[in-house]
Amino acid sequence: MHLPYTTTAAAKSKLGLRYFGSGDRLRRMRPIVLLATALLAASCSERETEPQATQAEKPPLAEPSATPDEPLSKGDSLPRITGIAQTGAGVGLGDDHGRVSLVFTCESLATARCTRLSKWLRDRWLDLRELDALVLGMTRDHRVKLRELAYELELPFYVLADPSERLFRAFGLEQAGPVFVVDKNNEIQARLTMEPPEALAERALSSLASLSRDSG
């Protein structure tokens, strides 16, 4: 009786086997050969698929050309940088999308202030859609935690995870809180702070509406 995978003594030696003349010994060796073949196939499959999974989970991140010495304010351009949203998608800030934008910053989506602000923007989503406004959030949350929080709040817009503070540094921010209103040319037209979340969001929406009318 012969092994199904080999027909010569030389081929058997490649698997680390001696050529036994006894059929009983060959039958006893067959399970070992099958196990070794299965383990080898599984190892090759893992090596082939691992880089693809890594690339899918970690899209390339664009870095800003320079880090500002002072926090960005009215008249500054939005930095061109890529962040990772709660969905895992790479989202570019400062792209030439030709839309007015609202960018809000938070320490965490779980804080009371950020939760109130996010809910207000969610509840006024139809008004923001009518203005064709792009809404983006930035937090120091890790993406897994951010994904859970955004799902619980049912947010219809992207929030970017920034635990390494790449995005915050690109905005020149040490502390979260400001809300930026940006025109269609990626120029910041307002930097709003130090107000209750609902009042802050209301002012931002009013500024977006004015920009839309002026540019329309």
C-alpha atoms as a PDB file:
ATOM      1  CA  MET A   1       0.000   0.000   0.000  1.00  0.00           C
ATOM      2  CA  HIS A   2       1.354   3.455  -0.960  1.00  0.00           C
ATOM      3  CA  LEU A   3       0.800   6.916   0.515  1.00  0.00           C
ATOM      4  CA  PRO A   4      -1.587   8.967  -1.651  1.00  0.00           C
ATOM      5  CA  TYR A   5       0.853  11.924  -1.795  1.00  0.00           C
ATOM      6  CA  THR A   6       4.126  10.173  -2.764  1.00  0.00           C
ATOM      7  CA  THR A   7       5.219   7.404  -5.118  1.00  0.00           C
ATOM      8  CA  THR A   8       9.027   7.318  -4.710  1.00  0.00           C
ATOM      9  CA  ALA A   9      11.496   6.930  -1.882  1.00  0.00           C
ATOM     10  CA  ALA A  10      13.027  10.308  -2.766  1.00  0.00           C
ATOM     11  CA  ALA A  11       9.651  12.049  -2.481  1.00  0.00           C
ATOM     12  CA  LYS A  12       8.984  10.356   0.863  1.00  0.00           C
ATOM     13  CA  SER A  13      12.329  11.542   2.211  1.00  0.00           C
ATOM     14  CA  LYS A  14      11.309  15.180   1.563  1.00  0.00           C
ATOM     15  CA  LEU A  15       8.549  14.739   4.131  1.00  0.00           C
ATOM     16  CA  GLY A  16      11.078  13.433   6.653  1.00  0.00           C
ATOM     17  CA  LEU A  17       9.950   9.801   6.257  1.00  0.00           C
ATOM     18  CA  ARG A  18      11.913   6.618   5.740  1.00  0.00           C
ATOM     19  CA  TYR A  19      10.814   4.175   3.112  1.00  0.00           C
ATOM     20  CA  PHE A  20       9.225   1.364   5.059  1.00  0.00           C
ATOM     21  CA  GLY A  21       8.448  -1.818   3.220  1.00  0.00           C
ATOM     22  CA  SER A  22       5.749  -2.876   5.649  1.00  0.00           C
ATOM     23  CA  GLY A  23       2.186  -1.849   4.729  1.00  0.00           C
ATOM     24  CA  ASP A  24       1.210  -1.762   8.419  1.00  0.00           C
ATOM     25  CA  ARG A  25       3.906   0.819   9.161  1.00  0.00           C
ATOM     26  CA  LEU A  26       2.829   2.945   6.209  1.00  0.00           C
ATOM     27  CA  ARG A  27      -0.754   2.919   7.413  1.00  0.00           C
ATOM     28  CA  ARG A  28       0.408   4.032  10.864  1.00  0.00           C
ATOM     29  CA  MET A  29       2.352   6.931   9.310  1.00  0.00           C
ATOM     30  CA  ARG A  30      -0.570   8.209   7.186  1.00  0.00           C
ATOM     31  CA  PRO A  31      -2.309  10.302   9.927  1.00  0.00           C
ATOM     32  CA  ILE A  32       1.015  12.029  10.673  1.00  0.00           C
ATOM     33  CA  VAL A  33       1.480  12.961   7.023  1.00  0.00           C
ATOM     34  CA  LEU A  34      -2.086  14.262   6.759  1.00  0.00           C
ATOM     35  CA  LEU A  35      -1.651  16.401   9.892  1.00  0.00           C
ATOM     36  CA  ALA A  36       1.660  17.837   8.683  1.00  0.00           C
ATOM     37  CA  THR A  37       0.132  18.686   5.288  1.00  0.00           C
ATOM     38  CA  ALA A  38      -2.870  20.440   6.912  1.00  0.00           C
ATOM     39  CA  LEU A  39      -0.635  22.506   9.225  1.00  0.00           C
ATOM     40  CA  LEU A  40       1.588  23.540   6.319  1.00  0.00           C
ATOM     41  CA  ALA A  41      -1.424  24.642   4.242  1.00  0.00           C
ATOM     42  CA  ALA A  42      -2.883  26.650   7.151  1.00  0.00           C
ATOM     43  CA  SER A  43       0.456  28.401   7.741  1.00  0.00           C
ATOM     44  CA  CYS A  44       0.728  29.426   4.089  1.00  0.00           C
ATOM     45  CA  SER A  45      -2.869  30.704   4.076  1.00  0.00           C
ATOM     46  CA  GLU A  46      -2.261  32.900   7.142  1.00  0.00           C
ATOM     47  CA  ARG A  47       0.872  34.436   5.631  1.00  0.00           C
ATOM     48  CA  GLU A  48      -1.001  35.288   2.432  1.00  0.00           C
ATOM     49  CA  THR A  49      -4.036  36.941   4.041  1.00  0.00           C
ATOM     50  CA  GLU A  50      -2.435  38.830   6.952  1.00  0.00           C
ATOM     51  CA  PRO A  51      -1.024  41.801   4.947  1.00  0.00           C
ATOM     52  CA  GLN A  52      -4.381  42.352   3.230  1.00  0.00           C
ATOM     53  CA  ALA A  53      -6.213  42.548   6.574  1.00  0.00           C
ATOM     54  CA  THR A  54      -3.611  44.959   7.945  1.00  0.00           C
ATOM     55  CA  GLN A  55      -3.949  47.262   4.957  1.00  0.00           C
ATOM     56  CA  ALA A  56      -7.755  47.250   5.195  1.00  0.00           C
ATOM     57  CA  GLU A  57      -7.746  48.149   8.897  1.00  0.00           C
ATOM     58  CA  LYS A  58      -5.037  50.817   8.652  1.00  0.00           C
ATOM     59  CA  PRO A  59      -5.493  53.078   5.625  1.00  0.00           C
ATOM     60  CA  PRO A  60      -2.572  55.441   4.918  1.00  0.00           C
ATOM     61  CA  LEU A  61      -2.694  58.682   6.902  1.00  0.00           C
ATOM     62  CA  ALA A  62      -1.723  61.992   5.341  1.00  0.00           C
ATOM     63  CA  GLU A  63       0.347  64.196   7.621  1.00  0.00           C
ATOM     64  CA  PRO A  64       0.004  68.020   7.734  1.00  0.00           C
ATOM     65  CA  SER A  65       2.738  70.008   6.026  1.00  0.00           C
ATOM     66  CA  ALA A  66       3.393  72.000   9.227  1.00  0.00           C
ATOM     67  CA  THR A  67       2.209  72.210  12.831  1.00  0.00           C
ATOM     68  CA  PRO A  68       0.981  75.712  13.813  1.00  0.00           C
ATOM     69  CA  ASP A  69       2.518  77.473  16.784  1.00  0.00           C
ATOM     70  CA  GLU A  70      -0.862  78.931  17.782  1.00  0.00           C
ATOM     71  CA  PRO A  71      -4.385  77.456  17.657  1.00  0.00           C
ATOM     72  CA  LEU A  72      -6.058  77.937  14.304  1.00  0.00           C
ATOM     73  CA  SER A  73      -8.520  80.829  14.166  1.00  0.00           C
ATOM     74  CA  LYS A  74     -10.501  82.938  11.703  1.00  0.00           C
ATOM     75  CA  GLY A  75      -8.672  83.438   8.413  1.00  0.00           C
ATOM     76  CA  ASP A  76      -6.525  80.292   8.701  1.00  0.00           C
ATOM     77  CA  SER A  77      -6.872  77.424   6.270  1.00  0.00           C
ATOM     78  CA  LEU A  78      -8.086  74.028   7.411  1.00  0.00           C
ATOM     79  CA  PRO A  79      -5.081  71.662   7.611  1.00  0.00           C
ATOM     80  CA  ARG A  80      -4.858  68.917   5.008  1.00  0.00           C
ATOM     81  CA  ILE A  81      -4.703  65.758   7.077  1.00  0.00           C
ATOM     82  CA  THR A  82      -6.396  62.360   7.136  1.00  0.00           C
ATOM     83  CA  GLY A  83      -8.069  60.845  10.191  1.00  0.00           C
ATOM     84  CA  ILE A  84      -9.792  57.551  10.962  1.00  0.00           C
ATOM     85  CA  ALA A  85     -13.542  57.714  11.595  1.00  0.00           C
ATOM     86  CA  GLN A  86     -15.623  55.514  13.892  1.00  0.00           C
ATOM     87  CA  THR A  87     -16.375  53.244  10.910  1.00  0.00           C
ATOM     88  CA  GLY A  88     -12.692  52.673  10.154  1.00  0.00           C
ATOM     89  CA  ALA A  89     -12.850  54.815   7.019  1.00  0.00           C
ATOM     90  CA  GLY A  90     -10.088  57.303   6.244  1.00  0.00           C
ATOM     91  CA  VAL A  91     -11.540  60.835   6.109  1.00  0.00           C
ATOM     92  CA  GLY A  92      -9.612  63.810   4.759  1.00  0.00           C
ATOM     93  CA  LEU A  93      -9.738  67.235   6.376  1.00  0.00           C
ATOM     94  CA  GLY A  94      -8.990  70.217   4.189  1.00  0.00           C
ATOM     95  CA  ASP A  95      -9.947  68.467   0.936  1.00  0.00           C
ATOM     96  CA  ASP A  96     -11.302  70.571  -1.910  1.00  0.00           C
ATOM     97  CA  HIS A  97     -14.870  69.286  -1.640  1.00  0.00           C
ATOM     98  CA  GLY A  98     -16.524  72.666  -2.286  1.00  0.00           C
ATOM     99  CA  ARG A  99     -18.786  72.495   0.790  1.00  0.00           C
ATOM    100  CA  VAL A 100     -19.140  74.515   3.964  1.00  0.00           C
ATOM    101  CA  SER A 101     -17.951  72.590   6.996  1.00  0.00           C
ATOM    102  CA  LEU A 102     -18.419  72.362  10.735  1.00  0.00           C
ATOM    103  CA  VAL A 103     -15.598  70.736  12.721  1.00  0.00           C
ATOM    104  CA  PHE A 104     -16.108  70.214  16.450  1.00  0.00           C
ATOM    105  CA  THR A 105     -13.524  69.003  18.965  1.00  0.00           C
ATOM    106  CA  CYS A 106     -14.054  66.990  22.151  1.00  0.00           C
ATOM    107  CA  GLU A 107     -11.968  65.211  24.732  1.00  0.00           C
ATOM    108  CA  SER A 108     -14.319  62.250  24.461  1.00  0.00           C
ATOM    109  CA  LEU A 109     -17.679  61.587  22.915  1.00  0.00           C
ATOM    110  CA  ALA A 110     -18.682  60.261  26.348  1.00  0.00           C
ATOM    111  CA  THR A 111     -18.339  63.639  28.095  1.00  0.00           C
ATOM    112  CA  ALA A 112     -21.596  65.425  28.898  1.00  0.00           C
ATOM    113  CA  ARG A 113     -20.673  68.477  26.800  1.00  0.00           C
ATOM    114  CA  CYS A 114     -19.761  66.468  23.706  1.00  0.00           C
ATOM    115  CA  THR A 115     -22.779  64.193  24.050  1.00  0.00           C
ATOM    116  CA  ARG A 116     -25.119  67.205  24.173  1.00  0.00           C
ATOM    117  CA  LEU A 117     -23.416  68.836  21.193  1.00  0.00           C
ATOM    118  CA  SER A 118     -23.495  65.621  19.133  1.00  0.00           C
ATOM    119  CA  LYS A 119     -27.169  65.041  19.894  1.00  0.00           C
ATOM    120  CA  TRP A 120     -28.038  68.594  18.869  1.00  0.00           C
ATOM    121  CA  LEU A 121     -26.237  68.174  15.546  1.00  0.00           C
ATOM    122  CA  ARG A 122     -27.928  64.806  15.048  1.00  0.00           C
ATOM    123  CA  ASP A 123     -31.372  66.248  15.710  1.00  0.00           C
ATOM    124  CA  ARG A 124     -30.726  69.144  13.307  1.00  0.00           C
ATOM    125  CA  TRP A 125     -29.266  66.897  10.635  1.00  0.00           C
ATOM    126  CA  LEU A 126     -31.943  67.742   8.065  1.00  0.00           C
ATOM    127  CA  ASP A 127     -31.149  71.450   8.405  1.00  0.00           C
ATOM    128  CA  LEU A 128     -27.451  70.709   7.930  1.00  0.00           C
ATOM    129  CA  ARG A 129     -28.210  68.550   4.892  1.00  0.00           C
ATOM    130  CA  GLU A 130     -30.197  71.373   3.313  1.00  0.00           C
ATOM    131  CA  LEU A 131     -27.080  73.532   3.589  1.00  0.00           C
ATOM    132  CA  ASP A 132     -24.990  70.707   2.080  1.00  0.00           C
ATOM    133  CA  ALA A 133     -22.727  71.100   5.105  1.00  0.00           C
ATOM    134  CA  LEU A 134     -19.994  68.645   6.001  1.00  0.00           C
ATOM    135  CA  VAL A 135     -19.945  67.818   9.727  1.00  0.00           C
ATOM    136  CA  LEU A 136     -16.878  66.245  11.338  1.00  0.00           C
ATOM    137  CA  GLY A 137     -15.975  65.637  14.954  1.00  0.00           C
ATOM    138  CA  MET A 138     -12.558  65.054  16.547  1.00  0.00           C
ATOM    139  CA  THR A 139     -12.034  63.273  19.871  1.00  0.00           C
ATOM    140  CA  ARG A 140      -9.171  61.671  21.763  1.00  0.00           C
ATOM    141  CA  ASP A 141     -11.135  58.422  21.993  1.00  0.00           C
ATOM    142  CA  HIS A 142      -9.700  55.199  20.626  1.00  0.00           C
ATOM    143  CA  ARG A 143     -11.623  53.989  17.569  1.00  0.00           C
ATOM    144  CA  VAL A 144     -13.210  50.925  19.220  1.00  0.00           C
ATOM    145  CA  LYS A 145     -14.624  53.025  22.053  1.00  0.00           C
ATOM    146  CA  LEU A 146     -15.600  55.784  19.618  1.00  0.00           C
ATOM    147  CA  ARG A 147     -17.453  53.332  17.398  1.00  0.00           C
ATOM    148  CA  GLU A 148     -19.521  52.102  20.356  1.00  0.00           C
ATOM    149  CA  LEU A 149     -20.343  55.639  21.524  1.00  0.00           C
ATOM    150  CA  ALA A 150     -21.263  56.887  18.041  1.00  0.00           C
ATOM    151  CA  TYR A 151     -23.490  53.844  17.531  1.00  0.00           C
ATOM    152  CA  GLU A 152     -25.292  54.452  20.834  1.00  0.00           C
ATOM    153  CA  LEU A 153     -25.884  58.104  19.908  1.00  0.00           C
ATOM    154  CA  GLU A 154     -26.960  57.158  16.342  1.00  0.00           C
ATOM    155  CA  LEU A 155     -24.749  59.828  14.806  1.00  0.00           C
ATOM    156  CA  PRO A 156     -25.207  60.366  11.045  1.00  0.00           C
ATOM    157  CA  PHE A 157     -21.805  62.043  10.597  1.00  0.00           C
ATOM    158  CA  TYR A 158     -18.164  61.070  10.950  1.00  0.00           C
ATOM    159  CA  VAL A 159     -16.253  61.491  14.214  1.00  0.00           C
ATOM    160  CA  LEU A 160     -12.491  61.004  13.997  1.00  0.00           C
ATOM    161  CA  ALA A 161     -10.518  59.043  16.581  1.00  0.00           C
ATOM    162  CA  ASP A 162      -7.342  60.872  17.615  1.00  0.00           C
ATOM    163  CA  PRO A 163      -5.765  59.164  20.656  1.00  0.00           C
ATOM    164  CA  SER A 164      -2.285  60.133  19.399  1.00  0.00           C
ATOM    165  CA  GLU A 165      -3.421  63.792  19.031  1.00  0.00           C
ATOM    166  CA  ARG A 166      -2.202  64.072  15.426  1.00  0.00           C
ATOM    167  CA  LEU A 167      -5.296  66.034  14.459  1.00  0.00           C
ATOM    168  CA  PHE A 168      -5.264  68.209  17.553  1.00  0.00           C
ATOM    169  CA  ARG A 169      -1.639  69.180  16.885  1.00  0.00           C
ATOM    170  CA  ALA A 170      -2.516  70.009  13.257  1.00  0.00           C
ATOM    171  CA  PHE A 171      -5.098  72.472  14.638  1.00  0.00           C
ATOM    172  CA  GLY A 172      -2.627  73.808  17.209  1.00  0.00           C
ATOM    173  CA  LEU A 173      -4.910  72.666  20.031  1.00  0.00           C
ATOM    174  CA  GLU A 174      -3.820  71.519  23.476  1.00  0.00           C
ATOM    175  CA  GLN A 175      -7.371  71.373  24.806  1.00  0.00           C
ATOM    176  CA  ALA A 176     -10.528  70.258  23.043  1.00  0.00           C
ATOM    177  CA  GLY A 177     -13.645  72.393  22.842  1.00  0.00           C
ATOM    178  CA  PRO A 178     -13.571  74.819  19.905  1.00  0.00           C
ATOM    179  CA  VAL A 179     -16.020  74.495  17.026  1.00  0.00           C
ATOM    180  CA  PHE A 180     -14.746  75.647  13.630  1.00  0.00           C
ATOM    181  CA  VAL A 181     -16.965  76.975  10.834  1.00  0.00           C
ATOM    182  CA  VAL A 182     -15.231  76.641   7.458  1.00  0.00           C
ATOM    183  CA  ASP A 183     -16.199  78.063   4.069  1.00  0.00           C
ATOM    184  CA  LYS A 184     -16.123  76.300   0.687  1.00  0.00           C
ATOM    185  CA  ASN A 185     -12.498  77.374   0.165  1.00  0.00           C
ATOM    186  CA  ASN A 186     -11.393  75.617   3.383  1.00  0.00           C
ATOM    187  CA  GLU A 187     -10.867  78.935   5.159  1.00  0.00           C
ATOM    188  CA  ILE A 188     -11.957  79.132   8.793  1.00  0.00           C
ATOM    189  CA  GLN A 189     -14.621  81.816   9.173  1.00  0.00           C
ATOM    190  CA  ALA A 190     -15.398  81.347  12.867  1.00  0.00           C
ATOM    191  CA  ARG A 191     -13.861  79.696  15.934  1.00  0.00           C
ATOM    192  CA  LEU A 192     -16.538  79.289  18.592  1.00  0.00           C
ATOM    193  CA  THR A 193     -15.831  78.460  22.241  1.00  0.00           C
ATOM    194  CA  MET A 194     -16.988  78.898  25.828  1.00  0.00           C
ATOM    195  CA  GLU A 195     -20.729  78.535  25.364  1.00  0.00           C
ATOM    196  CA  PRO A 196     -23.287  75.899  26.304  1.00  0.00           C
ATOM    197  CA  PRO A 197     -23.220  73.138  23.663  1.00  0.00           C
ATOM    198  CA  GLU A 198     -26.667  73.894  22.266  1.00  0.00           C
ATOM    199  CA  ALA A 199     -25.950  77.637  21.941  1.00  0.00           C
ATOM    200  CA  LEU A 200     -22.580  76.853  20.379  1.00  0.00           C
ATOM    201  CA  ALA A 201     -24.160  74.565  17.794  1.00  0.00           C
ATOM    202  CA  GLU A 202     -26.940  77.076  17.068  1.00  0.00           C
ATOM    203  CA  ARG A 203     -24.370  79.806  16.343  1.00  0.00           C
ATOM    204  CA  ALA A 204     -22.399  77.415  14.143  1.00  0.00           C
ATOM    205  CA  LEU A 205     -25.516  76.516  12.150  1.00  0.00           C
ATOM    206  CA  SER A 206     -26.351  80.203  11.709  1.00  0.00           C
ATOM    207  CA  SER A 207     -22.810  80.879  10.459  1.00  0.00           C
ATOM    208  CA  LEU A 208     -23.038  77.969   8.012  1.00  0.00           C
ATOM    209  CA  ALA A 209     -26.340  79.282   6.669  1.00  0.00           C
ATOM    210  CA  SER A 210     -24.806  82.730   6.118  1.00  0.00           C
ATOM    211  CA  LEU A 211     -21.825  81.232   4.287  1.00  0.00           C
ATOM    212  CA  SER A 212     -24.120  79.164   2.078  1.00  0.00           C
ATOM    213  CA  ARG A 213     -26.183  82.235   1.149  1.00  0.00           C
ATOM    214  CA  ASP A 214     -23.118  84.366   0.442  1.00  0.00           C
ATOM    215  CA  SER A 215     -21.478  81.727  -1.721  1.00  0.00           C
ATOM    216  CA  GLY A 216     -24.707  80.728  -3.454  1.00  0.00           C
END
